[in-house]
Amino acid sequence: MGAVKGLKGVRAASLAWIALSIATAARAEPLKEPVDGPQLICFKYSTFQLLKDERIVDFSGGMEGMSVRVLTPHGQLTIAESEIFAVPTRARQKIAEWNGTKVYRYGSESGRYGLFGKTAYSTNEDRLVIWLSITTLMGKSDDAAVYRRFSVRDPAGSGCKRGFIYGWEFLTSE
């Protein structure tokens, strides 16, 4: 009984440490200057083609993920990439696939997409790498024109001028 009681204390201490780590692991980094398109943007496991008249204005990063906000002439995009996204259990519809990148729509309306692909940490299994949210200010957007600019892949050697990282590299950078 004493061993079980000791394990409960270790478990409680471990959970407290994990909660503290999660709370302190994320760090918001407002951009000193917006990143203007056109240019190829690299994330840890993907790339995105930023177009002319588009601009990345916000960035937030931490140990297992990051997000950026992109302003477009017709609205905004929120791009989040992570190593630990859980795959939602709600209904999804596969709507596109190219070069190992698979796009699923979540919900009955457009605007919320999960992008899957193979990564260095998932070997032969497709993983949810990107959540993409598209918000239009007016009219109907061509969501395919946005999600087709992503590629889930190793961005090394892709020629990106700008990248957004997360993990230890991000937390230890100045």
N, C-alpha and C. Protein backbone atom coordinates (compact mmCIF):
# COMPACT_ATOMS: atom_id res chain seq x y z
N MET A 1 0.81 -1.20 0.00
CA MET A 1 0.00 0.00 0.00
C MET A 1 0.85 1.26 0.00
N GLY A 2 1.97 1.21 0.76
CA GLY A 2 2.86 2.36 0.80
C GLY A 2 3.46 2.66 -0.57
N ALA A 3 3.77 1.62 -1.36
CA ALA A 3 4.33 1.82 -2.69
C ALA A 3 3.32 2.50 -3.60
N VAL A 4 2.06 2.10 -3.50
CA VAL A 4 1.02 2.72 -4.30
C VAL A 4 0.87 4.18 -3.91
N LYS A 5 0.87 4.47 -2.62
CA LYS A 5 0.74 5.84 -2.14
C LYS A 5 1.91 6.67 -2.67
N GLY A 6 3.13 6.11 -2.66
CA GLY A 6 4.30 6.80 -3.19
C GLY A 6 4.17 7.07 -4.68
N LEU A 7 3.63 6.11 -5.42
CA LEU A 7 3.43 6.30 -6.85
C LEU A 7 2.44 7.41 -7.13
N LYS A 8 1.39 7.50 -6.32
CA LYS A 8 0.41 8.57 -6.51
C LYS A 8 1.07 9.92 -6.34
N GLY A 9 1.98 10.03 -5.35
CA GLY A 9 2.70 11.29 -5.14
C GLY A 9 3.60 11.62 -6.32
N VAL A 10 4.28 10.60 -6.86
CA VAL A 10 5.14 10.80 -8.02
C VAL A 10 4.30 11.21 -9.22
N ARG A 11 3.15 10.54 -9.39
CA ARG A 11 2.26 10.87 -10.51
C ARG A 11 1.77 12.31 -10.39
N ALA A 12 1.36 12.74 -9.19
CA ALA A 12 0.88 14.10 -8.98
C ALA A 12 2.00 15.11 -9.26
N ALA A 13 3.22 14.80 -8.78
CA ALA A 13 4.34 15.70 -9.03
C ALA A 13 4.66 15.76 -10.52
N SER A 14 4.59 14.62 -11.21
CA SER A 14 4.85 14.59 -12.65
C SER A 14 3.82 15.42 -13.41
N LEU A 15 2.56 15.27 -13.04
CA LEU A 15 1.50 16.04 -13.70
C LEU A 15 1.67 17.53 -13.45
N ALA A 16 2.07 17.90 -12.25
CA ALA A 16 2.30 19.32 -11.94
C ALA A 16 3.46 19.85 -12.78
N TRP A 17 4.54 19.05 -12.93
CA TRP A 17 5.69 19.47 -13.73
C TRP A 17 5.29 19.63 -15.19
N ILE A 18 4.50 18.69 -15.71
CA ILE A 18 4.04 18.77 -17.10
C ILE A 18 3.19 20.02 -17.31
N ALA A 19 2.28 20.29 -16.39
CA ALA A 19 1.43 21.48 -16.51
C ALA A 19 2.27 22.74 -16.50
N LEU A 20 3.26 22.81 -15.62
CA LEU A 20 4.13 23.98 -15.56
C LEU A 20 4.94 24.11 -16.84
N SER A 21 5.43 22.99 -17.38
CA SER A 21 6.20 23.01 -18.62
C SER A 21 5.37 23.53 -19.77
N ILE A 22 4.14 23.06 -19.86
CA ILE A 22 3.26 23.50 -20.94
C ILE A 22 2.98 24.99 -20.82
N ALA A 23 2.75 25.45 -19.60
CA ALA A 23 2.42 26.86 -19.39
C ALA A 23 3.60 27.76 -19.75
N THR A 24 4.82 27.29 -19.56
CA THR A 24 5.97 28.15 -19.81
C THR A 24 6.65 27.88 -21.14
N ALA A 25 6.22 26.86 -21.87
CA ALA A 25 6.92 26.48 -23.10
C ALA A 25 6.59 27.39 -24.27
N ALA A 26 5.42 27.97 -24.32
CA ALA A 26 5.06 28.82 -25.45
C ALA A 26 5.54 30.23 -25.22
N ARG A 27 5.94 30.86 -26.31
CA ARG A 27 6.45 32.22 -26.23
C ARG A 27 5.94 32.97 -27.45
N ALA A 28 5.25 34.04 -27.22
CA ALA A 28 4.75 34.84 -28.34
C ALA A 28 5.84 35.79 -28.79
N GLU A 29 6.02 35.89 -30.07
CA GLU A 29 7.03 36.75 -30.64
C GLU A 29 6.37 37.66 -31.67
N PRO A 30 5.93 38.84 -31.26
CA PRO A 30 5.39 39.75 -32.27
C PRO A 30 6.49 40.05 -33.29
N LEU A 31 6.15 40.07 -34.53
CA LEU A 31 7.15 40.32 -35.56
C LEU A 31 7.57 41.78 -35.52
N LYS A 32 8.87 42.02 -35.55
CA LYS A 32 9.39 43.39 -35.58
C LYS A 32 8.96 44.06 -36.87
N GLU A 33 9.01 43.28 -37.96
CA GLU A 33 8.54 43.75 -39.26
C GLU A 33 7.73 42.64 -39.89
N PRO A 34 6.61 42.98 -40.53
CA PRO A 34 5.84 41.94 -41.22
C PRO A 34 6.68 41.29 -42.32
N VAL A 35 6.33 40.07 -42.67
CA VAL A 35 7.00 39.36 -43.75
C VAL A 35 6.08 39.44 -44.97
N ASP A 36 6.56 40.12 -46.00
CA ASP A 36 5.76 40.35 -47.20
C ASP A 36 6.07 39.34 -48.29
N GLY A 37 5.02 38.98 -49.06
CA GLY A 37 5.18 38.12 -50.21
C GLY A 37 5.54 38.95 -51.42
N PRO A 38 5.92 38.33 -52.50
CA PRO A 38 5.94 36.89 -52.67
C PRO A 38 7.25 36.26 -52.18
N GLN A 39 7.13 35.12 -51.52
CA GLN A 39 8.28 34.32 -51.13
C GLN A 39 7.83 33.00 -50.55
N LEU A 40 8.74 32.03 -50.60
CA LEU A 40 8.48 30.73 -50.02
C LEU A 40 8.83 30.79 -48.54
N ILE A 41 7.91 30.35 -47.69
CA ILE A 41 8.08 30.37 -46.24
C ILE A 41 8.26 28.93 -45.77
N CYS A 42 9.27 28.71 -44.92
CA CYS A 42 9.51 27.37 -44.36
C CYS A 42 9.03 27.29 -42.92
N PHE A 43 8.40 26.18 -42.61
CA PHE A 43 8.09 25.81 -41.24
C PHE A 43 8.94 24.57 -40.94
N LYS A 44 8.71 23.91 -39.85
CA LYS A 44 9.55 22.77 -39.48
C LYS A 44 9.34 21.57 -40.40
N TYR A 45 8.09 21.30 -40.79
CA TYR A 45 7.78 20.13 -41.61
C TYR A 45 7.02 20.47 -42.88
N SER A 46 7.01 21.74 -43.28
CA SER A 46 6.24 22.13 -44.45
C SER A 46 6.73 23.46 -45.00
N THR A 47 6.22 23.77 -46.19
CA THR A 47 6.48 25.07 -46.80
C THR A 47 5.15 25.67 -47.25
N PHE A 48 5.15 26.99 -47.41
CA PHE A 48 3.96 27.72 -47.85
C PHE A 48 4.41 28.85 -48.76
N GLN A 49 3.76 28.98 -49.92
CA GLN A 49 4.08 30.05 -50.85
C GLN A 49 3.24 31.29 -50.52
N LEU A 50 3.88 32.29 -49.97
CA LEU A 50 3.23 33.57 -49.65
C LEU A 50 3.18 34.39 -50.93
N LEU A 51 2.00 34.89 -51.29
CA LEU A 51 1.84 35.62 -52.54
C LEU A 51 2.04 37.12 -52.37
N LYS A 52 2.18 37.79 -53.52
CA LYS A 52 2.24 39.25 -53.54
C LYS A 52 0.96 39.76 -52.87
N ASP A 53 1.06 40.83 -52.14
CA ASP A 53 -0.06 41.44 -51.41
C ASP A 53 -0.50 40.62 -50.20
N GLU A 54 0.28 39.62 -49.80
CA GLU A 54 0.03 38.89 -48.55
C GLU A 54 1.17 39.20 -47.60
N ARG A 55 0.85 39.15 -46.31
CA ARG A 55 1.86 39.50 -45.32
C ARG A 55 1.62 38.73 -44.03
N ILE A 56 2.70 38.18 -43.47
CA ILE A 56 2.64 37.52 -42.16
C ILE A 56 2.83 38.61 -41.12
N VAL A 57 1.87 38.72 -40.20
CA VAL A 57 1.91 39.82 -39.22
C VAL A 57 2.10 39.36 -37.79
N ASP A 58 1.75 38.12 -37.46
CA ASP A 58 1.86 37.62 -36.09
C ASP A 58 2.50 36.23 -36.09
N PHE A 59 3.25 35.96 -35.01
CA PHE A 59 3.89 34.67 -34.83
C PHE A 59 3.84 34.30 -33.35
N SER A 60 3.56 33.04 -33.08
CA SER A 60 3.60 32.51 -31.73
C SER A 60 4.21 31.13 -31.80
N GLY A 61 5.17 30.83 -30.92
CA GLY A 61 5.83 29.54 -30.97
C GLY A 61 6.11 28.97 -29.60
N GLY A 62 6.44 27.70 -29.57
CA GLY A 62 6.75 27.01 -28.33
C GLY A 62 7.48 25.71 -28.61
N MET A 63 7.41 24.78 -27.67
CA MET A 63 8.14 23.52 -27.78
C MET A 63 7.63 22.63 -28.92
N GLU A 64 6.32 22.46 -29.04
CA GLU A 64 5.78 21.52 -30.01
C GLU A 64 4.97 22.14 -31.13
N GLY A 65 4.97 23.44 -31.24
CA GLY A 65 4.17 24.02 -32.31
C GLY A 65 4.35 25.52 -32.45
N MET A 66 3.77 26.04 -33.51
CA MET A 66 3.80 27.47 -33.78
C MET A 66 2.59 27.83 -34.62
N SER A 67 2.32 29.13 -34.67
CA SER A 67 1.27 29.61 -35.55
C SER A 67 1.65 30.99 -36.09
N VAL A 68 1.17 31.28 -37.29
CA VAL A 68 1.33 32.59 -37.89
C VAL A 68 -0.03 33.05 -38.40
N ARG A 69 -0.18 34.37 -38.47
CA ARG A 69 -1.39 34.95 -39.04
C ARG A 69 -0.98 35.70 -40.29
N VAL A 70 -1.69 35.42 -41.39
CA VAL A 70 -1.39 36.01 -42.69
C VAL A 70 -2.56 36.89 -43.10
N LEU A 71 -2.27 38.15 -43.41
CA LEU A 71 -3.29 39.03 -43.96
C LEU A 71 -3.23 38.95 -45.47
N THR A 72 -4.40 38.82 -46.09
CA THR A 72 -4.52 38.74 -47.54
C THR A 72 -5.43 39.88 -48.00
N PRO A 73 -5.49 40.17 -49.29
CA PRO A 73 -6.39 41.22 -49.77
C PRO A 73 -7.87 40.93 -49.47
N HIS A 74 -8.21 39.65 -49.23
CA HIS A 74 -9.61 39.27 -49.05
C HIS A 74 -9.95 38.77 -47.65
N GLY A 75 -8.98 38.74 -46.74
CA GLY A 75 -9.25 38.22 -45.40
C GLY A 75 -7.96 37.86 -44.69
N GLN A 76 -8.00 36.74 -43.98
CA GLN A 76 -6.81 36.31 -43.27
C GLN A 76 -6.74 34.79 -43.18
N LEU A 77 -5.53 34.31 -42.98
CA LEU A 77 -5.26 32.89 -42.79
C LEU A 77 -4.61 32.72 -41.43
N THR A 78 -4.95 31.66 -40.75
CA THR A 78 -4.22 31.26 -39.56
C THR A 78 -3.63 29.90 -39.87
N ILE A 79 -2.31 29.82 -39.78
CA ILE A 79 -1.57 28.60 -40.07
C ILE A 79 -0.93 28.14 -38.78
N ALA A 80 -1.25 26.93 -38.35
CA ALA A 80 -0.63 26.36 -37.15
C ALA A 80 0.03 25.05 -37.54
N GLU A 81 1.28 24.86 -37.12
CA GLU A 81 1.98 23.61 -37.37
C GLU A 81 2.44 23.05 -36.03
N SER A 82 2.33 21.71 -35.87
CA SER A 82 2.73 21.08 -34.62
C SER A 82 3.11 19.63 -34.84
N GLU A 83 3.91 19.13 -33.91
CA GLU A 83 4.28 17.72 -33.90
C GLU A 83 3.29 16.89 -33.11
N ILE A 84 2.39 17.52 -32.37
CA ILE A 84 1.54 16.77 -31.44
C ILE A 84 0.05 16.97 -31.64
N PHE A 85 -0.38 17.43 -32.80
CA PHE A 85 -1.82 17.55 -33.04
C PHE A 85 -2.47 16.17 -32.97
N ALA A 86 -3.57 16.09 -32.26
CA ALA A 86 -4.39 14.88 -32.26
C ALA A 86 -5.33 14.97 -33.45
N VAL A 87 -5.57 13.85 -34.10
CA VAL A 87 -6.49 13.82 -35.23
C VAL A 87 -7.91 13.86 -34.69
N PRO A 88 -8.70 14.86 -35.08
CA PRO A 88 -10.08 14.94 -34.59
C PRO A 88 -10.89 13.71 -34.99
N THR A 89 -11.84 13.36 -34.16
CA THR A 89 -12.69 12.21 -34.44
C THR A 89 -13.93 12.61 -35.23
N ARG A 90 -14.20 13.90 -35.35
CA ARG A 90 -15.39 14.33 -36.10
C ARG A 90 -15.21 14.08 -37.59
N ALA A 91 -16.28 14.13 -38.30
CA ALA A 91 -16.29 13.81 -39.73
C ALA A 91 -15.35 14.72 -40.51
N ARG A 92 -14.70 14.11 -41.49
CA ARG A 92 -13.82 14.88 -42.36
C ARG A 92 -13.99 14.38 -43.78
N GLN A 93 -13.63 15.23 -44.73
CA GLN A 93 -13.75 14.88 -46.13
C GLN A 93 -12.42 15.16 -46.81
N LYS A 94 -11.83 14.14 -47.44
CA LYS A 94 -10.58 14.35 -48.18
C LYS A 94 -10.92 15.10 -49.45
N ILE A 95 -10.26 16.24 -49.67
CA ILE A 95 -10.61 17.07 -50.81
C ILE A 95 -9.47 17.26 -51.81
N ALA A 96 -8.24 16.95 -51.40
CA ALA A 96 -7.12 17.12 -52.33
C ALA A 96 -5.92 16.31 -51.86
N GLU A 97 -5.05 15.98 -52.84
CA GLU A 97 -3.81 15.29 -52.54
C GLU A 97 -2.80 15.57 -53.64
N TRP A 98 -1.55 15.86 -53.28
CA TRP A 98 -0.48 16.04 -54.23
C TRP A 98 0.86 15.85 -53.51
N ASN A 99 1.80 15.23 -54.17
CA ASN A 99 3.17 15.05 -53.67
C ASN A 99 3.26 14.70 -52.19
N GLY A 100 2.41 13.82 -51.73
CA GLY A 100 2.45 13.39 -50.33
C GLY A 100 1.69 14.26 -49.36
N THR A 101 1.15 15.38 -49.81
CA THR A 101 0.34 16.26 -48.95
C THR A 101 -1.13 15.91 -49.18
N LYS A 102 -1.85 15.67 -48.09
CA LYS A 102 -3.29 15.36 -48.17
C LYS A 102 -4.06 16.42 -47.39
N VAL A 103 -5.16 16.90 -47.97
CA VAL A 103 -5.97 17.95 -47.36
C VAL A 103 -7.35 17.41 -47.04
N TYR A 104 -7.77 17.63 -45.79
CA TYR A 104 -9.11 17.23 -45.34
C TYR A 104 -9.86 18.46 -44.86
N ARG A 105 -11.14 18.52 -45.23
CA ARG A 105 -12.03 19.57 -44.72
C ARG A 105 -12.72 19.02 -43.49
N TYR A 106 -12.77 19.83 -42.46
CA TYR A 106 -13.46 19.45 -41.23
C TYR A 106 -14.70 20.31 -41.10
N GLY A 107 -15.83 19.66 -40.87
CA GLY A 107 -17.10 20.37 -40.79
C GLY A 107 -17.73 20.47 -42.17
N SER A 108 -18.93 20.99 -42.21
CA SER A 108 -19.67 21.04 -43.48
C SER A 108 -19.33 22.27 -44.31
N GLU A 109 -18.73 23.28 -43.70
CA GLU A 109 -18.42 24.50 -44.44
C GLU A 109 -16.93 24.58 -44.71
N SER A 110 -16.58 25.36 -45.71
CA SER A 110 -15.16 25.54 -45.99
C SER A 110 -14.53 26.45 -44.94
N GLY A 111 -13.23 26.51 -44.96
CA GLY A 111 -12.54 27.42 -44.06
C GLY A 111 -11.67 26.76 -43.02
N ARG A 112 -11.87 25.47 -42.72
CA ARG A 112 -11.08 24.77 -41.70
C ARG A 112 -10.54 23.48 -42.30
N TYR A 113 -9.21 23.41 -42.41
CA TYR A 113 -8.58 22.29 -43.09
C TYR A 113 -7.45 21.70 -42.26
N GLY A 114 -7.29 20.40 -42.34
CA GLY A 114 -6.16 19.70 -41.76
C GLY A 114 -5.29 19.18 -42.89
N LEU A 115 -3.99 19.47 -42.84
CA LEU A 115 -3.06 19.00 -43.86
C LEU A 115 -2.18 17.92 -43.26
N PHE A 116 -2.12 16.80 -43.94
CA PHE A 116 -1.41 15.61 -43.47
C PHE A 116 -0.26 15.29 -44.41
N GLY A 117 0.73 14.60 -43.89
CA GLY A 117 1.83 14.11 -44.70
C GLY A 117 2.82 13.35 -43.84
N LYS A 118 3.80 12.77 -44.48
CA LYS A 118 4.85 12.05 -43.76
C LYS A 118 5.90 13.05 -43.28
N THR A 119 6.45 12.80 -42.10
CA THR A 119 7.46 13.68 -41.52
C THR A 119 8.62 12.85 -41.01
N ALA A 120 9.66 13.51 -40.57
CA ALA A 120 10.82 12.83 -40.01
C ALA A 120 10.45 12.03 -38.76
N TYR A 121 9.42 12.44 -38.04
CA TYR A 121 9.04 11.75 -36.81
C TYR A 121 7.93 10.73 -37.03
N SER A 122 7.40 10.61 -38.23
CA SER A 122 6.29 9.69 -38.45
C SER A 122 6.60 8.59 -39.46
N THR A 123 7.79 8.47 -39.90
CA THR A 123 8.29 7.50 -40.87
C THR A 123 7.28 7.18 -41.97
N ASN A 124 6.53 6.10 -41.85
CA ASN A 124 5.63 5.69 -42.94
C ASN A 124 4.18 6.09 -42.73
N GLU A 125 3.91 6.87 -41.73
CA GLU A 125 2.53 7.21 -41.39
C GLU A 125 2.26 8.69 -41.67
N ASP A 126 1.12 8.98 -42.31
CA ASP A 126 0.71 10.37 -42.49
C ASP A 126 0.30 10.94 -41.14
N ARG A 127 0.74 12.14 -40.86
CA ARG A 127 0.41 12.81 -39.60
C ARG A 127 -0.26 14.14 -39.90
N LEU A 128 -1.13 14.56 -38.99
CA LEU A 128 -1.71 15.90 -39.06
C LEU A 128 -0.60 16.87 -38.68
N VAL A 129 -0.19 17.69 -39.63
CA VAL A 129 0.92 18.61 -39.42
C VAL A 129 0.43 20.05 -39.33
N ILE A 130 -0.57 20.41 -40.13
CA ILE A 130 -1.02 21.81 -40.23
C ILE A 130 -2.52 21.91 -40.05
N TRP A 131 -2.93 22.87 -39.25
CA TRP A 131 -4.31 23.33 -39.21
C TRP A 131 -4.33 24.65 -39.96
N LEU A 132 -5.20 24.77 -40.93
CA LEU A 132 -5.34 25.98 -41.73
C LEU A 132 -6.76 26.50 -41.57
N SER A 133 -6.87 27.75 -41.17
CA SER A 133 -8.18 28.41 -41.08
C SER A 133 -8.17 29.58 -42.04
N ILE A 134 -9.20 29.64 -42.88
CA ILE A 134 -9.32 30.71 -43.88
C ILE A 134 -10.55 31.53 -43.53
N THR A 135 -10.35 32.83 -43.31
CA THR A 135 -11.45 33.74 -43.01
C THR A 135 -11.50 34.80 -44.10
N THR A 136 -12.63 34.88 -44.78
CA THR A 136 -12.77 35.90 -45.83
C THR A 136 -13.58 37.07 -45.30
N LEU A 137 -13.22 38.25 -45.78
CA LEU A 137 -13.92 39.45 -45.35
C LEU A 137 -15.17 39.70 -46.17
N MET A 138 -15.12 39.35 -47.44
CA MET A 138 -16.28 39.53 -48.30
C MET A 138 -16.25 38.52 -49.44
N GLY A 139 -17.40 38.12 -49.83
CA GLY A 139 -17.48 37.20 -50.96
C GLY A 139 -17.04 35.79 -50.61
N LYS A 140 -16.96 34.97 -51.62
CA LYS A 140 -16.59 33.57 -51.46
C LYS A 140 -15.11 33.42 -51.84
N SER A 141 -14.38 32.71 -51.01
CA SER A 141 -12.96 32.54 -51.31
C SER A 141 -12.74 31.26 -52.10
N ASP A 142 -11.62 31.22 -52.78
CA ASP A 142 -11.19 30.01 -53.46
C ASP A 142 -10.19 29.33 -52.53
N ASP A 143 -10.70 28.53 -51.60
CA ASP A 143 -9.85 27.90 -50.60
C ASP A 143 -8.77 27.02 -51.23
N ALA A 144 -9.08 26.37 -52.34
CA ALA A 144 -8.10 25.51 -52.99
C ALA A 144 -6.87 26.30 -53.43
N ALA A 145 -7.07 27.55 -53.83
CA ALA A 145 -5.95 28.40 -54.24
C ALA A 145 -5.03 28.68 -53.05
N VAL A 146 -5.52 28.51 -51.84
CA VAL A 146 -4.70 28.71 -50.65
C VAL A 146 -4.05 27.39 -50.24
N TYR A 147 -4.83 26.34 -49.99
CA TYR A 147 -4.22 25.12 -49.45
C TYR A 147 -3.30 24.43 -50.45
N ARG A 148 -3.45 24.69 -51.74
CA ARG A 148 -2.55 24.09 -52.72
C ARG A 148 -1.15 24.73 -52.70
N ARG A 149 -0.98 25.80 -51.96
CA ARG A 149 0.34 26.45 -51.85
C ARG A 149 1.18 25.85 -50.72
N PHE A 150 0.65 24.83 -50.04
CA PHE A 150 1.38 24.13 -48.97
C PHE A 150 2.01 22.87 -49.51
N SER A 151 3.08 22.47 -48.85
CA SER A 151 3.68 21.17 -49.12
C SER A 151 4.21 20.63 -47.79
N VAL A 152 3.69 19.47 -47.37
CA VAL A 152 4.21 18.81 -46.18
C VAL A 152 5.44 18.04 -46.64
N ARG A 153 6.62 18.48 -46.17
CA ARG A 153 7.88 17.89 -46.61
C ARG A 153 9.00 18.44 -45.74
N ASP A 154 10.18 17.89 -45.92
CA ASP A 154 11.36 18.43 -45.27
C ASP A 154 11.74 19.70 -46.02
N PRO A 155 11.70 20.86 -45.38
CA PRO A 155 11.97 22.11 -46.09
C PRO A 155 13.45 22.38 -46.36
N ALA A 156 14.35 21.53 -45.85
CA ALA A 156 15.79 21.74 -46.08
C ALA A 156 16.07 21.79 -47.58
N GLY A 157 16.82 22.77 -47.99
CA GLY A 157 17.20 22.90 -49.39
C GLY A 157 16.12 23.44 -50.30
N SER A 158 15.02 23.93 -49.73
CA SER A 158 13.92 24.41 -50.57
C SER A 158 14.09 25.87 -51.00
N GLY A 159 15.08 26.55 -50.46
CA GLY A 159 15.34 27.93 -50.88
C GLY A 159 14.48 28.98 -50.20
N CYS A 160 13.97 28.69 -49.03
CA CYS A 160 13.15 29.67 -48.31
C CYS A 160 13.99 30.86 -47.87
N LYS A 161 13.42 32.04 -48.02
CA LYS A 161 14.07 33.25 -47.52
C LYS A 161 13.78 33.46 -46.04
N ARG A 162 12.66 32.93 -45.59
CA ARG A 162 12.24 33.13 -44.20
C ARG A 162 11.65 31.84 -43.67
N GLY A 163 11.91 31.55 -42.40
CA GLY A 163 11.37 30.37 -41.76
C GLY A 163 10.86 30.68 -40.38
N PHE A 164 9.94 29.87 -39.91
CA PHE A 164 9.39 29.98 -38.55
C PHE A 164 9.55 28.62 -37.90
N ILE A 165 10.29 28.57 -36.80
CA ILE A 165 10.62 27.31 -36.15
C ILE A 165 9.96 27.20 -34.78
N TYR A 166 10.03 26.01 -34.24
CA TYR A 166 9.59 25.76 -32.86
C TYR A 166 10.43 24.62 -32.32
N GLY A 167 10.27 24.35 -31.04
CA GLY A 167 11.09 23.33 -30.40
C GLY A 167 12.23 23.98 -29.65
N TRP A 168 13.23 23.19 -29.30
CA TRP A 168 14.38 23.72 -28.54
C TRP A 168 15.07 24.83 -29.31
N GLU A 169 15.14 24.72 -30.64
CA GLU A 169 15.80 25.77 -31.44
C GLU A 169 15.15 27.12 -31.20
N PHE A 170 13.84 27.13 -31.13
CA PHE A 170 13.09 28.37 -30.93
C PHE A 170 13.28 28.89 -29.51
N LEU A 171 13.16 28.01 -28.52
CA LEU A 171 13.22 28.44 -27.14
C LEU A 171 14.60 28.92 -26.72
N THR A 172 15.65 28.43 -27.38
CA THR A 172 16.99 28.84 -27.00
C THR A 172 17.53 29.95 -27.87
N SER A 173 16.78 30.37 -28.90
CA SER A 173 17.24 31.48 -29.76
C SER A 173 16.94 32.80 -29.08
N GLU A 174 17.68 33.81 -29.45
CA GLU A 174 17.46 35.13 -28.86
C GLU A 174 16.63 35.99 -29.74
